[in-house]
């Protein structure tokens, strides 16, 4: 038996951003986006387009950093609580950090302490809010526009939390590839690799099902083919569209499986070494792929459909793919000492995401020793 569920109303294609006014249908809204300090940047221009389509927001939250943490989110919630009218919807316009912040705001309803207590104790979930979210991604990688969780960081305590509630699925996702056209090369690569990790990790996952697997295979093949081309041709609309669709499909895949070992390993690198999320969760993919080969027949079959019949050659191809994009598959190049790598793997396997991994510790240790 298996089950697949995703309640998000997805609209995809060039120009779907222009349907925002119709989707909001006159509801007072909170706009969550990034701050352009001089008022002349990309997000200032996008904000003006939002206002032209949907009217002035009841409140705007724009203090969003790369990895939303307790301190910044508490400030965001205070701003949210100052809305001039009761907020009936949240418009999240940005990358993964904006989506994460919007979900926290939806759950907090202006009071971050209730979210913090839930994250720290696991209790009080029934007290959390459920403000509808309209998610508009401006990167191609996070997939957060179709998931029901948010990553929240307590940088003071050096801890990572996941706010996971079925009520946090966005009401609608407007995935417009044109909004990704101006992304710089580094962000394009990092977010694209995040999508690849979502796809592969939903395949070597105890929660995999036929629907998530089919979506993940399409997503992985598209990223592997299109991302290197896009890295050298950043204004190519057709390639941007392919990456946006791949990111969406990967999001729809891991919305049902969640992530696995590579993401579990990534959190330490981001917290302690400042490695961007997309790099932190993808550099270890070749190692993980070699370790998982032979552990599950369905997983092996899916990987062969992506990489070809020889999985060892496929892992080598994946390693070469990363190197071509300037990403080292060697943990020591990302700040991890060789002596600490085995311990970090054990810690990752013991965590919630690590428990989703279908492979065996013995195969990972053998891969490390190789």
Protein backbone atom coordinates (compact mmCIF):
# COMPACT_ATOMS: atom_id res chain seq x y z
CA UNK A 1 0.00 0.00 0.00
CA UNK A 2 1.10 3.58 -0.63
CA UNK A 3 -0.35 7.08 -0.47
CA UNK A 4 0.46 10.38 -2.14
CA UNK A 5 -1.10 13.69 -1.12
CA UNK A 6 -0.43 17.32 -1.95
CA UNK A 7 -3.20 19.91 -1.55
CA UNK A 8 -1.43 22.94 -3.08
CA UNK A 9 -3.11 24.57 -6.09
CA UNK A 10 -0.15 24.92 -8.48
CA UNK A 11 -0.03 27.32 -11.41
CA UNK A 12 3.08 27.10 -13.59
CA UNK A 13 4.32 29.10 -16.54
CA UNK A 14 5.64 32.40 -17.81
CA UNK A 15 3.36 35.16 -16.61
CA UNK A 16 1.43 33.33 -13.86
CA UNK A 17 2.74 35.95 -11.41
CA UNK A 18 0.22 38.29 -13.03
CA UNK A 19 -2.66 36.18 -11.65
CA UNK A 20 -1.85 37.11 -8.04
CA UNK A 21 -4.65 39.66 -7.76
CA UNK A 22 -7.22 37.09 -8.84
CA UNK A 23 -5.83 34.48 -6.44
CA UNK A 24 -5.90 36.89 -3.49
CA UNK A 25 -9.44 37.96 -4.38
CA UNK A 26 -9.33 41.17 -2.36
CA UNK A 27 -8.15 39.64 0.92
CA UNK A 28 -6.01 41.89 3.18
CA UNK A 29 -2.54 40.37 3.01
CA UNK A 30 0.92 40.38 4.51
CA UNK A 31 3.73 40.57 1.96
CA UNK A 32 6.85 38.62 2.95
CA UNK A 33 9.86 39.34 0.79
CA UNK A 34 13.45 40.59 0.83
CA UNK A 35 14.54 44.14 1.53
CA UNK A 36 16.24 46.17 -1.21
CA UNK A 37 17.98 48.83 0.84
CA UNK A 38 18.03 51.48 -1.90
CA UNK A 39 14.55 50.80 -3.22
CA UNK A 40 15.81 50.16 -6.74
CA UNK A 41 16.52 46.44 -6.62
CA UNK A 42 14.70 43.43 -7.98
CA UNK A 43 12.43 42.94 -4.99
CA UNK A 44 11.45 46.58 -4.78
CA UNK A 45 10.32 46.33 -8.39
CA UNK A 46 8.46 43.07 -7.72
CA UNK A 47 6.81 44.64 -4.68
CA UNK A 48 5.51 47.49 -6.81
CA UNK A 49 4.05 44.93 -9.21
CA UNK A 50 2.36 43.14 -6.30
CA UNK A 51 0.81 46.41 -5.09
CA UNK A 52 -0.41 47.22 -8.61
CA UNK A 53 -2.12 43.82 -8.83
CA UNK A 54 -3.38 43.35 -5.28
CA UNK A 55 -3.40 46.74 -3.57
CA UNK A 56 -1.29 47.92 -0.66
CA UNK A 57 -0.51 45.14 1.83
CA UNK A 58 -1.80 45.36 5.37
CA UNK A 59 1.83 44.89 6.43
CA UNK A 60 5.16 44.07 4.78
CA UNK A 61 7.78 41.84 6.41
CA UNK A 62 11.15 42.15 4.71
CA UNK A 63 13.83 41.46 7.33
CA UNK A 64 14.46 38.00 5.87
CA UNK A 65 18.00 36.59 5.97
CA UNK A 66 19.42 33.48 4.29
CA UNK A 67 18.65 31.14 7.22
CA UNK A 68 15.72 32.51 9.28
CA UNK A 69 16.52 32.23 12.97
CA UNK A 70 14.75 32.81 16.26
CA UNK A 71 15.91 36.40 16.63
CA UNK A 72 14.94 37.55 13.15
CA UNK A 73 11.67 35.63 13.16
CA UNK A 74 10.63 37.16 16.48
CA UNK A 75 11.12 40.58 14.87
CA UNK A 76 9.18 39.45 11.80
CA UNK A 77 6.27 38.39 14.01
CA UNK A 78 6.24 41.74 15.80
CA UNK A 79 6.05 43.47 12.43
CA UNK A 80 3.25 41.14 11.35
CA UNK A 81 1.30 41.97 14.50
CA UNK A 82 1.42 45.68 13.58
CA UNK A 83 -0.73 45.17 10.46
CA UNK A 84 -3.17 47.95 9.71
CA UNK A 85 -5.93 45.40 9.02
CA UNK A 86 -6.46 41.77 10.08
CA UNK A 87 -4.33 39.64 7.76
CA UNK A 88 -6.34 37.06 5.80
CA UNK A 89 -3.53 35.77 3.56
CA UNK A 90 0.26 35.84 3.31
CA UNK A 91 2.05 36.43 0.01
CA UNK A 92 5.53 34.85 0.14
CA UNK A 93 7.66 36.32 -2.67
CA UNK A 94 11.23 35.05 -2.69
CA UNK A 95 13.39 31.99 -2.19
CA UNK A 96 13.36 29.29 0.46
CA UNK A 97 14.10 31.61 3.36
CA UNK A 98 11.05 33.73 2.51
CA UNK A 99 8.88 30.61 2.28
CA UNK A 100 10.17 29.40 5.66
CA UNK A 101 9.51 32.79 7.27
CA UNK A 102 6.02 32.96 5.78
CA UNK A 103 5.13 29.56 7.27
CA UNK A 104 6.37 30.68 10.68
CA UNK A 105 4.26 33.84 10.40
CA UNK A 106 1.23 31.78 9.38
CA UNK A 107 1.68 29.57 12.43
CA UNK A 108 2.57 32.34 14.87
CA UNK A 109 -0.25 34.80 14.06
CA UNK A 110 1.96 37.56 15.43
CA UNK A 111 3.26 35.69 18.49
CA UNK A 112 6.58 33.95 17.81
CA UNK A 113 6.72 32.52 21.34
CA UNK A 114 3.99 30.01 20.54
CA UNK A 115 6.04 28.70 17.59
CA UNK A 116 9.22 28.64 19.63
CA UNK A 117 7.55 26.66 22.43
CA UNK A 118 6.23 24.17 19.90
CA UNK A 119 9.63 23.74 18.28
CA UNK A 120 11.44 23.29 21.58
CA UNK A 121 8.89 21.03 23.31
CA UNK A 122 6.88 19.43 20.49
CA UNK A 123 3.70 20.54 22.29
CA UNK A 124 1.04 23.17 21.55
CA UNK A 125 0.62 22.40 17.86
CA UNK A 126 -3.13 22.80 18.16
CA UNK A 127 -2.61 26.42 19.22
CA UNK A 128 -0.76 27.39 16.03
CA UNK A 129 -2.40 29.56 13.39
CA UNK A 130 -3.22 28.60 9.81
CA UNK A 131 -3.24 31.77 7.72
CA UNK A 132 -3.39 30.87 3.99
CA UNK A 133 -0.14 31.35 2.06
CA UNK A 134 0.28 32.27 -1.61
CA UNK A 135 3.82 31.11 -2.45
CA UNK A 136 5.68 32.75 -5.34
CA UNK A 137 9.22 31.34 -5.67
CA UNK A 138 11.92 33.51 -7.23
CA UNK A 139 14.54 30.73 -7.24
CA UNK A 140 14.46 27.22 -8.72
CA UNK A 141 15.47 24.83 -5.99
CA UNK A 142 13.66 25.02 -2.68
CA UNK A 143 10.34 23.36 -3.58
CA UNK A 144 8.97 24.94 -0.40
CA UNK A 145 5.99 26.31 -2.31
CA UNK A 146 4.48 22.80 -2.21
CA UNK A 147 5.63 21.51 1.20
CA UNK A 148 4.16 21.84 4.69
CA UNK A 149 7.29 22.53 6.70
CA UNK A 150 9.84 25.24 7.36
CA UNK A 151 13.45 25.11 8.51
CA UNK A 152 14.04 27.32 11.55
CA UNK A 153 17.44 27.98 13.09
CA UNK A 154 18.41 28.81 16.66
CA UNK A 155 21.85 30.18 15.90
CA UNK A 156 22.47 31.03 19.55
CA UNK A 157 22.14 27.40 20.59
CA UNK A 158 23.50 26.16 17.22
CA UNK A 159 20.40 24.06 16.59
CA UNK A 160 18.13 23.46 13.61
CA UNK A 161 14.41 22.82 13.90
CA UNK A 162 11.69 21.81 11.45
CA UNK A 163 8.27 23.40 11.80
CA UNK A 164 6.05 20.72 10.26
CA UNK A 165 2.26 21.07 10.16
CA UNK A 166 -0.12 19.90 7.46
CA UNK A 167 -1.88 23.26 7.80
CA UNK A 168 1.25 24.99 6.48
CA UNK A 169 0.84 23.73 2.93
CA UNK A 170 0.42 26.90 0.87
CA UNK A 171 -3.03 27.50 -0.50
CA UNK A 172 -1.55 28.22 -3.91
CA UNK A 173 1.84 28.26 -5.63
CA UNK A 174 2.48 30.59 -8.56
CA UNK A 175 5.62 29.25 -10.22
CA UNK A 176 6.70 31.76 -12.85
CA UNK A 177 10.09 30.95 -14.45
CA UNK A 178 10.46 34.58 -15.55
CA UNK A 179 11.02 35.55 -11.91
CA UNK A 180 14.26 33.52 -11.89
CA UNK A 181 15.76 35.18 -14.98
CA UNK A 182 17.97 37.60 -13.06
CA UNK A 183 19.51 35.11 -10.66
CA UNK A 184 23.33 35.21 -10.55
CA UNK A 185 25.32 32.12 -11.44
CA UNK A 186 26.22 31.12 -7.86
CA UNK A 187 22.61 31.24 -6.68
CA UNK A 188 21.42 29.46 -9.81
CA UNK A 189 23.85 26.60 -9.16
CA UNK A 190 23.24 26.36 -5.42
CA UNK A 191 19.45 26.32 -5.72
CA UNK A 192 19.55 23.92 -8.66
CA UNK A 193 21.65 21.51 -6.62
CA UNK A 194 19.14 21.76 -3.79
CA UNK A 195 16.47 20.56 -6.24
CA UNK A 196 18.71 17.68 -7.32
CA UNK A 197 19.20 16.66 -3.71
CA UNK A 198 15.45 16.76 -3.08
CA UNK A 199 14.89 14.50 -6.08
CA UNK A 200 17.55 11.91 -5.29
CA UNK A 201 16.83 11.88 -1.56
CA UNK A 202 13.16 11.16 -2.21
CA UNK A 203 14.28 8.08 -4.18
CA UNK A 204 16.63 6.53 -1.59
CA UNK A 205 13.98 7.06 1.07
CA UNK A 206 11.89 4.73 3.23
CA UNK A 207 8.82 6.84 2.39
CA UNK A 208 9.18 6.64 -1.41
CA UNK A 209 6.10 5.79 -3.44
CA UNK A 210 5.41 5.43 -7.19
CA UNK A 211 4.16 9.00 -7.60
CA UNK A 212 7.02 10.63 -5.70
CA UNK A 213 9.46 8.38 -7.57
CA UNK A 214 8.15 9.33 -11.01
CA UNK A 215 8.32 13.03 -10.17
CA UNK A 216 11.82 12.66 -8.71
CA UNK A 217 13.20 10.85 -11.75
CA UNK A 218 12.01 13.58 -14.12
CA UNK A 219 13.38 16.26 -11.82
CA UNK A 220 16.81 14.63 -11.44
CA UNK A 221 17.26 14.06 -15.17
CA UNK A 222 16.28 17.66 -15.93
CA UNK A 223 18.70 19.16 -13.38
CA UNK A 224 21.57 16.95 -14.53
CA UNK A 225 21.04 17.97 -18.15
CA UNK A 226 19.90 21.59 -17.89
CA UNK A 227 21.81 23.06 -14.94
CA UNK A 228 25.31 22.98 -16.53
CA UNK A 229 23.85 24.55 -19.68
CA UNK A 230 22.07 27.24 -17.69
CA UNK A 231 25.20 28.02 -15.65
CA UNK A 232 26.81 29.15 -18.93
CA UNK A 233 23.69 30.81 -20.39
CA UNK A 234 21.91 32.56 -17.52
CA UNK A 235 19.45 34.51 -19.69
CA UNK A 236 18.09 31.43 -21.45
CA UNK A 237 14.35 31.39 -20.74
CA UNK A 238 13.85 27.82 -21.93
CA UNK A 239 16.52 26.53 -19.54
CA UNK A 240 15.11 28.64 -16.70
CA UNK A 241 11.72 27.06 -17.37
CA UNK A 242 13.20 23.57 -17.25
CA UNK A 243 14.92 24.24 -13.92
CA UNK A 244 11.80 25.81 -12.43
CA UNK A 245 9.75 22.77 -13.45
CA UNK A 246 12.41 20.39 -12.13
CA UNK A 247 12.45 22.21 -8.80
CA UNK A 248 8.66 22.02 -8.60
CA UNK A 249 8.61 18.30 -9.42
CA UNK A 250 11.33 17.63 -6.83
CA UNK A 251 9.29 19.61 -4.31
CA UNK A 252 6.20 17.56 -5.09
CA UNK A 253 8.29 14.41 -4.64
CA UNK A 254 9.86 15.21 -1.29
CA UNK A 255 6.68 16.85 -0.01
CA UNK A 256 5.61 13.24 0.64
CA UNK A 257 8.92 11.61 1.56
CA UNK A 258 10.91 14.42 3.21
CA UNK A 259 14.66 14.42 2.74
CA UNK A 260 17.24 11.90 3.92
CA UNK A 261 20.94 11.58 4.75
CA UNK A 262 22.50 14.28 2.55
CA UNK A 263 20.23 16.93 4.04
CA UNK A 264 20.86 15.59 7.53
CA UNK A 265 24.59 16.04 6.92
CA UNK A 266 24.09 19.52 5.54
CA UNK A 267 22.79 21.16 8.70
CA UNK A 268 26.13 20.96 10.52
CA UNK A 269 27.92 22.52 7.55
CA UNK A 270 25.49 25.40 7.35
CA UNK A 271 25.44 26.07 11.09
CA UNK A 272 29.14 25.68 11.82
CA UNK A 273 30.83 26.50 8.53
CA UNK A 274 28.40 28.82 6.75
CA UNK A 275 28.17 26.59 3.66
CA UNK A 276 25.18 27.64 1.51
CA UNK A 277 22.34 25.16 1.84
CA UNK A 278 22.30 23.96 -1.78
CA UNK A 279 26.02 23.18 -1.66
CA UNK A 280 25.88 21.65 1.82
CA UNK A 281 23.14 19.19 0.86
CA UNK A 282 24.53 18.16 -2.52
CA UNK A 283 28.31 17.70 -2.28
CA UNK A 284 27.86 14.33 -0.54
CA UNK A 285 25.39 12.92 -3.10
CA UNK A 286 27.97 10.80 -4.99
CA UNK A 287 29.18 9.21 -1.75
CA UNK A 288 25.62 8.51 -0.66
CA UNK A 289 24.69 7.10 -4.07
CA UNK A 290 27.62 4.68 -4.01
CA UNK A 291 26.68 3.63 -0.48
CA UNK A 292 23.01 3.03 -1.30
CA UNK A 293 23.59 0.99 -4.47
CA UNK A 294 22.40 -2.57 -3.96
CA UNK A 295 20.36 -1.80 -0.84
CA UNK A 296 16.93 -1.67 -2.48
CA UNK A 297 15.79 -3.02 -5.86
CA UNK A 298 13.28 -0.24 -6.55
CA UNK A 299 15.83 2.44 -5.71
CA UNK A 300 18.46 0.79 -7.92
CA UNK A 301 15.97 0.64 -10.80
CA UNK A 302 15.12 4.32 -10.43
CA UNK A 303 18.78 5.33 -10.30
CA UNK A 304 19.52 3.25 -13.41
CA UNK A 305 16.75 5.09 -15.26
CA UNK A 306 18.48 8.34 -14.35
CA UNK A 307 22.17 7.45 -14.61
CA UNK A 308 22.28 4.34 -16.80
CA UNK A 309 22.76 0.63 -16.07
CA UNK A 310 26.14 0.93 -14.28
CA UNK A 311 25.50 2.63 -10.93
CA UNK A 312 29.20 2.92 -10.11
CA UNK A 313 29.69 4.80 -13.38
CA UNK A 314 26.58 6.83 -12.55
CA UNK A 315 28.05 7.94 -9.23
CA UNK A 316 31.25 8.92 -11.03
CA UNK A 317 29.14 10.90 -13.52
CA UNK A 318 27.41 12.66 -10.62
CA UNK A 319 30.78 13.51 -9.09
CA UNK A 320 32.01 14.92 -12.42
CA UNK A 321 28.78 16.91 -12.74
CA UNK A 322 29.43 18.60 -9.38
CA UNK A 323 33.06 19.30 -10.19
CA UNK A 324 32.07 20.90 -13.50
CA UNK A 325 29.89 23.30 -11.53
CA UNK A 326 32.77 24.09 -9.18
CA UNK A 327 31.54 21.97 -6.25
CA UNK A 328 34.01 19.65 -4.54
CA UNK A 329 32.58 16.28 -3.41
CA UNK A 330 35.29 16.13 -0.71
CA UNK A 331 34.00 16.99 2.79
CA UNK A 332 37.35 18.44 3.85
CA UNK A 333 36.98 21.14 1.19
CA UNK A 334 33.84 22.33 3.00
CA UNK A 335 35.42 22.67 6.44
CA UNK A 336 34.95 19.13 7.78
CA UNK A 337 38.02 17.46 9.22
CA UNK A 338 38.53 13.91 8.00
CA UNK A 339 38.63 12.67 11.59
CA UNK A 340 35.17 14.14 12.29
CA UNK A 341 33.39 12.90 9.17
CA UNK A 342 32.46 9.45 10.51
CA UNK A 343 31.00 10.95 13.70
CA UNK A 344 28.94 13.44 11.69
CA UNK A 345 27.54 10.60 9.61
CA UNK A 346 26.51 8.74 12.78
CA UNK A 347 24.84 11.89 14.12
CA UNK A 348 23.03 12.42 10.82
CA UNK A 349 21.80 8.81 10.69
CA UNK A 350 20.39 9.19 14.21
CA UNK A 351 18.33 12.24 13.26
CA UNK A 352 14.84 12.32 11.74
CA UNK A 353 16.09 12.88 8.19
CA UNK A 354 18.80 10.24 8.54
CA UNK A 355 16.17 7.70 9.56
CA UNK A 356 14.51 8.19 6.17
CA UNK A 357 17.64 6.82 4.44
CA UNK A 358 17.30 3.27 3.10
CA UNK A 359 21.03 2.53 3.14
CA UNK A 360 23.12 0.88 5.81
CA UNK A 361 25.78 2.42 8.02
CA UNK A 362 28.21 -0.32 7.01
CA UNK A 363 28.02 0.70 3.36
CA UNK A 364 28.68 4.35 4.28
CA UNK A 365 31.67 3.42 6.41
CA UNK A 366 33.04 1.32 3.57
CA UNK A 367 32.56 4.24 1.22
CA UNK A 368 34.45 6.51 3.62
CA UNK A 369 37.32 4.07 3.81
CA UNK A 370 37.54 3.69 0.03
